[in-house]
Amino acid sequence: MTQIGRRIYFDKATGNIIVDTGERQGFVRPTTVEQDIATFKELSERNRETFDYIELEFGQYAQDFAECNGYRV
């Protein structure tokens, strides 16, 4: 079974989250950053220079994400 960690895209200037892909498992395939940009309207409408991303391992900070009511990078 494949397990894919979350990828969090954020605005470089503010740290606000643009897209959180979430964790995936099962019959899933990893995506590239380019595929994510093409898939998510929030990313495709922005200038690539204005945002960046961090990639987490599957399960990394899972408890923190489950308990929080918002976050910034």
PDB file of N, CA and C in Angstrom:
ATOM      1  N   MET A   1       0.850  -1.177   0.000  1.00  0.00           N
ATOM      2  CA  MET A   1       0.000   0.000   0.000  1.00  0.00           C
ATOM      3  C   MET A   1       0.898   1.244   0.000  1.00  0.00           C
ATOM      4  N   THR A   2       0.595   2.157  -0.872  1.00  0.00           N
ATOM      5  CA  THR A   2       1.365   3.391  -0.983  1.00  0.00           C
ATOM      6  C   THR A   2       0.879   4.412   0.037  1.00  0.00           C
ATOM      7  N   GLN A   3       1.814   5.116   0.664  1.00  0.00           N
ATOM      8  CA  GLN A   3       1.484   6.188   1.592  1.00  0.00           C
ATOM      9  C   GLN A   3       2.223   7.449   1.146  1.00  0.00           C
ATOM     10  N   ILE A   4       1.466   8.516   0.979  1.00  0.00           N
ATOM     11  CA  ILE A   4       2.035   9.778   0.509  1.00  0.00           C
ATOM     12  C   ILE A   4       1.758  10.855   1.543  1.00  0.00           C
ATOM     13  N   GLY A   5       2.796  11.550   1.943  1.00  0.00           N
ATOM     14  CA  GLY A   5       2.647  12.636   2.907  1.00  0.00           C
ATOM     15  C   GLY A   5       2.042  13.873   2.273  1.00  0.00           C
ATOM     16  N   ARG A   6       1.706  14.820   3.122  1.00  0.00           N
ATOM     17  CA  ARG A   6       1.087  16.045   2.618  1.00  0.00           C
ATOM     18  C   ARG A   6       2.119  17.013   2.065  1.00  0.00           C
ATOM     19  N   ARG A   7       1.681  17.807   1.101  1.00  0.00           N
ATOM     20  CA  ARG A   7       2.481  18.891   0.548  1.00  0.00           C
ATOM     21  C   ARG A   7       1.688  20.167   0.825  1.00  0.00           C
ATOM     22  N   ILE A   8       2.342  21.116   1.463  1.00  0.00           N
ATOM     23  CA  ILE A   8       1.680  22.356   1.854  1.00  0.00           C
ATOM     24  C   ILE A   8       2.254  23.511   1.035  1.00  0.00           C
ATOM     25  N   TYR A   9       1.391  24.130   0.253  1.00  0.00           N
ATOM     26  CA  TYR A   9       1.773  25.293  -0.545  1.00  0.00           C
ATOM     27  C   TYR A   9       1.389  26.548   0.229  1.00  0.00           C
ATOM     28  N   PHE A  10       2.308  27.509   0.289  1.00  0.00           N
ATOM     29  CA  PHE A  10       2.050  28.714   1.070  1.00  0.00           C
ATOM     30  C   PHE A  10       2.540  29.964   0.342  1.00  0.00           C
ATOM     31  N   ASP A  11       1.934  31.079   0.685  1.00  0.00           N
ATOM     32  CA  ASP A  11       2.317  32.375   0.139  1.00  0.00           C
ATOM     33  C   ASP A  11       3.633  32.802   0.785  1.00  0.00           C
ATOM     34  N   LYS A  12       4.634  33.107  -0.029  1.00  0.00           N
ATOM     35  CA  LYS A  12       5.957  33.468   0.493  1.00  0.00           C
ATOM     36  C   LYS A  12       5.920  34.739   1.341  1.00  0.00           C
ATOM     37  N   ALA A  13       5.085  35.684   0.968  1.00  0.00           N
ATOM     38  CA  ALA A  13       5.056  36.975   1.655  1.00  0.00           C
ATOM     39  C   ALA A  13       4.358  36.909   3.008  1.00  0.00           C
ATOM     40  N   THR A  14       3.283  36.126   3.103  1.00  0.00           N
ATOM     41  CA  THR A  14       2.468  36.136   4.321  1.00  0.00           C
ATOM     42  C   THR A  14       2.569  34.863   5.153  1.00  0.00           C
ATOM     43  N   GLY A  15       2.951  33.751   4.527  1.00  0.00           N
ATOM     44  CA  GLY A  15       2.953  32.473   5.224  1.00  0.00           C
ATOM     45  C   GLY A  15       1.585  31.807   5.233  1.00  0.00           C
ATOM     46  N   ASN A  16       0.591  32.453   4.632  1.00  0.00           N
ATOM     47  CA  ASN A  16      -0.750  31.874   4.580  1.00  0.00           C
ATOM     48  C   ASN A  16      -0.767  30.643   3.688  1.00  0.00           C
ATOM     49  N   ILE A  17      -1.549  29.659   4.093  1.00  0.00           N
ATOM     50  CA  ILE A  17      -1.667  28.410   3.349  1.00  0.00           C
ATOM     51  C   ILE A  17      -2.546  28.631   2.122  1.00  0.00           C
ATOM     52  N   ILE A  18      -2.068  28.165   0.986  1.00  0.00           N
ATOM     53  CA  ILE A  18      -2.841  28.246  -0.258  1.00  0.00           C
ATOM     54  C   ILE A  18      -3.519  26.896  -0.500  1.00  0.00           C
ATOM     55  N   VAL A  19      -2.734  25.815  -0.462  1.00  0.00           N
ATOM     56  CA  VAL A  19      -3.262  24.462  -0.667  1.00  0.00           C
ATOM     57  C   VAL A  19      -2.524  23.502   0.246  1.00  0.00           C
ATOM     58  N   ASP A  20      -3.288  22.635   0.889  1.00  0.00           N
ATOM     59  CA  ASP A  20      -2.733  21.523   1.658  1.00  0.00           C
ATOM     60  C   ASP A  20      -3.266  20.264   0.974  1.00  0.00           C
ATOM     61  N   THR A  21      -2.382  19.485   0.362  1.00  0.00           N
ATOM     62  CA  THR A  21      -2.830  18.326  -0.408  1.00  0.00           C
ATOM     63  C   THR A  21      -3.339  17.203   0.491  1.00  0.00           C
ATOM     64  N   GLY A  22      -2.991  17.239   1.769  1.00  0.00           N
ATOM     65  CA  GLY A  22      -3.404  16.196   2.687  1.00  0.00           C
ATOM     66  C   GLY A  22      -2.619  14.917   2.469  1.00  0.00           C
ATOM     67  N   GLU A  23      -2.794  13.988   3.378  1.00  0.00           N
ATOM     68  CA  GLU A  23      -2.125  12.689   3.254  1.00  0.00           C
ATOM     69  C   GLU A  23      -3.001  11.756   2.436  1.00  0.00           C
ATOM     70  N   ARG A  24      -2.347  10.854   1.702  1.00  0.00           N
ATOM     71  CA  ARG A  24      -3.086   9.884   0.894  1.00  0.00           C
ATOM     72  C   ARG A  24      -2.458   8.515   1.080  1.00  0.00           C
ATOM     73  N   GLN A  25      -3.300   7.504   1.025  1.00  0.00           N
ATOM     74  CA  GLN A  25      -2.777   6.138   1.077  1.00  0.00           C
ATOM     75  C   GLN A  25      -3.698   5.213   0.317  1.00  0.00           C
ATOM     76  N   GLY A  26      -3.155   4.081  -0.045  1.00  0.00           N
ATOM     77  CA  GLY A  26      -3.913   3.111  -0.827  1.00  0.00           C
ATOM     78  C   GLY A  26      -3.347   3.037  -2.233  1.00  0.00           C
ATOM     79  N   PHE A  27      -4.242   2.982  -3.198  1.00  0.00           N
ATOM     80  CA  PHE A  27      -3.821   2.911  -4.598  1.00  0.00           C
ATOM     81  C   PHE A  27      -3.697   4.325  -5.155  1.00  0.00           C
ATOM     82  N   VAL A  28      -2.676   5.027  -4.693  1.00  0.00           N
ATOM     83  CA  VAL A  28      -2.438   6.409  -5.095  1.00  0.00           C
ATOM     84  C   VAL A  28      -1.038   6.544  -5.668  1.00  0.00           C
ATOM     85  N   ARG A  29      -0.854   7.593  -6.452  1.00  0.00           N
ATOM     86  CA  ARG A  29       0.461   7.852  -7.041  1.00  0.00           C
ATOM     87  C   ARG A  29       0.950   9.214  -6.574  1.00  0.00           C
ATOM     88  N   PRO A  30       2.240   9.332  -6.336  1.00  0.00           N
ATOM     89  CA  PRO A  30       2.787  10.642  -5.998  1.00  0.00           C
ATOM     90  C   PRO A  30       2.626  11.609  -7.170  1.00  0.00           C
ATOM     91  N   THR A  31       2.443  12.873  -6.862  1.00  0.00           N
ATOM     92  CA  THR A  31       2.349  13.887  -7.908  1.00  0.00           C
ATOM     93  C   THR A  31       3.580  14.788  -7.848  1.00  0.00           C
ATOM     94  N   THR A  32       3.858  15.433  -8.963  1.00  0.00           N
ATOM     95  CA  THR A  32       4.936  16.413  -9.000  1.00  0.00           C
ATOM     96  C   THR A  32       4.349  17.779  -8.651  1.00  0.00           C
ATOM     97  N   VAL A  33       5.207  18.721  -8.357  1.00  0.00           N
ATOM     98  CA  VAL A  33       4.756  20.082  -8.095  1.00  0.00           C
ATOM     99  C   VAL A  33       4.038  20.628  -9.333  1.00  0.00           C
ATOM    100  N   GLU A  34       4.562  20.353 -10.508  1.00  0.00           N
ATOM    101  CA  GLU A  34       3.940  20.827 -11.749  1.00  0.00           C
ATOM    102  C   GLU A  34       2.528  20.260 -11.916  1.00  0.00           C
ATOM    103  N   GLN A  35       2.350  18.991 -11.554  1.00  0.00           N
ATOM    104  CA  GLN A  35       1.013  18.384 -11.632  1.00  0.00           C
ATOM    105  C   GLN A  35       0.063  19.039 -10.637  1.00  0.00           C
ATOM    106  N   ASP A  36       0.554  19.333  -9.438  1.00  0.00           N
ATOM    107  CA  ASP A  36      -0.288  20.006  -8.445  1.00  0.00           C
ATOM    108  C   ASP A  36      -0.714  21.386  -8.940  1.00  0.00           C
ATOM    109  N   ILE A  37       0.218  22.120  -9.531  1.00  0.00           N
ATOM    110  CA  ILE A  37      -0.101  23.455 -10.035  1.00  0.00           C
ATOM    111  C   ILE A  37      -1.175  23.373 -11.115  1.00  0.00           C
ATOM    112  N   ALA A  38      -1.079  22.377 -11.977  1.00  0.00           N
ATOM    113  CA  ALA A  38      -2.084  22.199 -13.029  1.00  0.00           C
ATOM    114  C   ALA A  38      -3.436  21.761 -12.453  1.00  0.00           C
ATOM    115  N   THR A  39      -3.416  21.020 -11.353  1.00  0.00           N
ATOM    116  CA  THR A  39      -4.634  20.473 -10.764  1.00  0.00           C
ATOM    117  C   THR A  39      -5.386  21.485  -9.904  1.00  0.00           C
ATOM    118  N   PHE A  40      -4.662  22.244  -9.091  1.00  0.00           N
ATOM    119  CA  PHE A  40      -5.293  23.147  -8.136  1.00  0.00           C
ATOM    120  C   PHE A  40      -5.393  24.560  -8.706  1.00  0.00           C
ATOM    121  N   LYS A  41      -6.634  25.032  -8.863  1.00  0.00           N
ATOM    122  CA  LYS A  41      -6.892  26.359  -9.413  1.00  0.00           C
ATOM    123  C   LYS A  41      -6.189  27.440  -8.589  1.00  0.00           C
ATOM    124  N   GLU A  42      -6.162  27.273  -7.279  1.00  0.00           N
ATOM    125  CA  GLU A  42      -5.541  28.268  -6.395  1.00  0.00           C
ATOM    126  C   GLU A  42      -4.060  28.471  -6.723  1.00  0.00           C
ATOM    127  N   LEU A  43      -3.420  27.420  -7.239  1.00  0.00           N
ATOM    128  CA  LEU A  43      -2.010  27.513  -7.610  1.00  0.00           C
ATOM    129  C   LEU A  43      -1.832  27.968  -9.049  1.00  0.00           C
ATOM    130  N   SER A  44      -2.645  27.432  -9.941  1.00  0.00           N
ATOM    131  CA  SER A  44      -2.478  27.744 -11.371  1.00  0.00           C
ATOM    132  C   SER A  44      -2.762  29.209 -11.675  1.00  0.00           C
ATOM    133  N   GLU A  45      -3.564  29.874 -10.856  1.00  0.00           N
ATOM    134  CA  GLU A  45      -3.896  31.279 -11.073  1.00  0.00           C
ATOM    135  C   GLU A  45      -2.840  32.231 -10.517  1.00  0.00           C
ATOM    136  N   ARG A  46      -1.865  31.714  -9.802  1.00  0.00           N
ATOM    137  CA  ARG A  46      -0.843  32.559  -9.164  1.00  0.00           C
ATOM    138  C   ARG A  46       0.471  32.513  -9.932  1.00  0.00           C
ATOM    139  N   ASN A  47       1.252  33.548  -9.754  1.00  0.00           N
ATOM    140  CA  ASN A  47       2.614  33.586 -10.269  1.00  0.00           C
ATOM    141  C   ASN A  47       3.439  32.620  -9.429  1.00  0.00           C
ATOM    142  N   ARG A  48       4.163  31.716 -10.064  1.00  0.00           N
ATOM    143  CA  ARG A  48       4.934  30.686  -9.355  1.00  0.00           C
ATOM    144  C   ARG A  48       5.954  31.283  -8.385  1.00  0.00           C
ATOM    145  N   GLU A  49       6.415  32.482  -8.653  1.00  0.00           N
ATOM    146  CA  GLU A  49       7.405  33.119  -7.780  1.00  0.00           C
ATOM    147  C   GLU A  49       6.813  33.573  -6.449  1.00  0.00           C
ATOM    148  N   THR A  50       5.476  33.601  -6.329  1.00  0.00           N
ATOM    149  CA  THR A  50       4.843  34.116  -5.102  1.00  0.00           C
ATOM    150  C   THR A  50       4.561  33.042  -4.068  1.00  0.00           C
ATOM    151  N   PHE A  51       4.760  31.782  -4.417  1.00  0.00           N
ATOM    152  CA  PHE A  51       4.489  30.728  -3.434  1.00  0.00           C
ATOM    153  C   PHE A  51       5.569  29.664  -3.452  1.00  0.00           C
ATOM    154  N   ASP A  52       5.628  28.927  -2.351  1.00  0.00           N
ATOM    155  CA  ASP A  52       6.573  27.830  -2.215  1.00  0.00           C
ATOM    156  C   ASP A  52       5.838  26.689  -1.518  1.00  0.00           C
ATOM    157  N   TYR A  53       6.546  25.632  -1.190  1.00  0.00           N
ATOM    158  CA  TYR A  53       5.893  24.495  -0.547  1.00  0.00           C
ATOM    159  C   TYR A  53       6.862  23.791   0.399  1.00  0.00           C
ATOM    160  N   ILE A  54       6.267  23.049   1.315  1.00  0.00           N
ATOM    161  CA  ILE A  54       7.035  22.114   2.140  1.00  0.00           C
ATOM    162  C   ILE A  54       6.380  20.760   1.992  1.00  0.00           C
ATOM    163  N   GLU A  55       7.184  19.734   2.089  1.00  0.00           N
ATOM    164  CA  GLU A  55       6.692  18.371   1.910  1.00  0.00           C
ATOM    165  C   GLU A  55       6.943  17.595   3.197  1.00  0.00           C
ATOM    166  N   LEU A  56       5.907  16.965   3.721  1.00  0.00           N
ATOM    167  CA  LEU A  56       6.016  16.201   4.956  1.00  0.00           C
ATOM    168  C   LEU A  56       5.876  14.713   4.666  1.00  0.00           C
ATOM    169  N   GLU A  57       6.518  13.912   5.488  1.00  0.00           N
ATOM    170  CA  GLU A  57       6.385  12.460   5.375  1.00  0.00           C
ATOM    171  C   GLU A  57       4.990  12.050   5.829  1.00  0.00           C
ATOM    172  N   PHE A  58       4.538  10.895   5.391  1.00  0.00           N
ATOM    173  CA  PHE A  58       3.238  10.377   5.806  1.00  0.00           C
ATOM    174  C   PHE A  58       3.230  10.245   7.329  1.00  0.00           C
ATOM    175  N   GLY A  59       2.245  10.812   7.977  1.00  0.00           N
ATOM    176  CA  GLY A  59       2.107  10.720   9.429  1.00  0.00           C
ATOM    177  C   GLY A  59       2.873  11.783  10.205  1.00  0.00           C
ATOM    178  N   GLN A  60       3.728  12.527   9.533  1.00  0.00           N
ATOM    179  CA  GLN A  60       4.522  13.547  10.220  1.00  0.00           C
ATOM    180  C   GLN A  60       3.598  14.669  10.707  1.00  0.00           C
ATOM    181  N   TYR A  61       3.646  14.943  12.000  1.00  0.00           N
ATOM    182  CA  TYR A  61       2.820  15.973  12.659  1.00  0.00           C
ATOM    183  C   TYR A  61       1.321  15.671  12.553  1.00  0.00           C
ATOM    184  N   ALA A  62       0.952  14.430  12.346  1.00  0.00           N
ATOM    185  CA  ALA A  62      -0.464  14.072  12.167  1.00  0.00           C
ATOM    186  C   ALA A  62      -1.309  14.510  13.357  1.00  0.00           C
ATOM    187  N   GLN A  63      -0.832  14.296  14.565  1.00  0.00           N
ATOM    188  CA  GLN A  63      -1.579  14.677  15.767  1.00  0.00           C
ATOM    189  C   GLN A  63      -1.749  16.193  15.837  1.00  0.00           C
ATOM    190  N   ASP A  64      -0.697  16.920  15.507  1.00  0.00           N
ATOM    191  CA  ASP A  64      -0.776  18.389  15.520  1.00  0.00           C
ATOM    192  C   ASP A  64      -1.818  18.897  14.528  1.00  0.00           C
ATOM    193  N   PHE A  65      -1.835  18.333  13.325  1.00  0.00           N
ATOM    194  CA  PHE A  65      -2.820  18.747  12.330  1.00  0.00           C
ATOM    195  C   PHE A  65      -4.234  18.386  12.784  1.00  0.00           C
ATOM    196  N   ALA A  66      -4.387  17.248  13.427  1.00  0.00           N
ATOM    197  CA  ALA A  66      -5.709  16.814  13.890  1.00  0.00           C
ATOM    198  C   ALA A  66      -6.255  17.742  14.971  1.00  0.00           C
ATOM    199  N   GLU A  67      -5.383  18.314  15.766  1.00  0.00           N
ATOM    200  CA  GLU A  67      -5.822  19.127  16.906  1.00  0.00           C
ATOM    201  C   GLU A  67      -5.864  20.624  16.629  1.00  0.00           C
ATOM    202  N   CYS A  68      -5.247  21.083  15.548  1.00  0.00           N
ATOM    203  CA  CYS A  68      -5.174  22.531  15.323  1.00  0.00           C
ATOM    204  C   CYS A  68      -6.432  23.048  14.621  1.00  0.00           C
ATOM    205  N   ASN A  69      -6.650  24.356  14.744  1.00  0.00           N
ATOM    206  CA  ASN A  69      -7.784  24.967  14.038  1.00  0.00           C
ATOM    207  C   ASN A  69      -7.300  25.998  13.029  1.00  0.00           C
ATOM    208  N   GLY A  70      -6.069  25.847  12.581  1.00  0.00           N
ATOM    209  CA  GLY A  70      -5.480  26.715  11.566  1.00  0.00           C
ATOM    210  C   GLY A  70      -3.983  26.783  11.776  1.00  0.00           C
ATOM    211  N   TYR A  71      -3.263  27.133  10.734  1.00  0.00           N
ATOM    212  CA  TYR A  71      -1.811  27.223  10.843  1.00  0.00           C
ATOM    213  C   TYR A  71      -1.271  28.070   9.707  1.00  0.00           C
ATOM    214  N   ARG A  72      -0.036  28.523   9.884  1.00  0.00           N
ATOM    215  CA  ARG A  72       0.704  29.277   8.862  1.00  0.00           C
ATOM    216  C   ARG A  72       2.113  28.727   8.805  1.00  0.00           C
ATOM    217  N   VAL A  73       2.792  29.004   7.710  1.00  0.00           N
ATOM    218  CA  VAL A  73       4.176  28.544   7.547  1.00  0.00           C
ATOM    219  C   VAL A  73       5.104  29.716   7.817  1.00  0.00           C
TER     220      VAL A  73
END
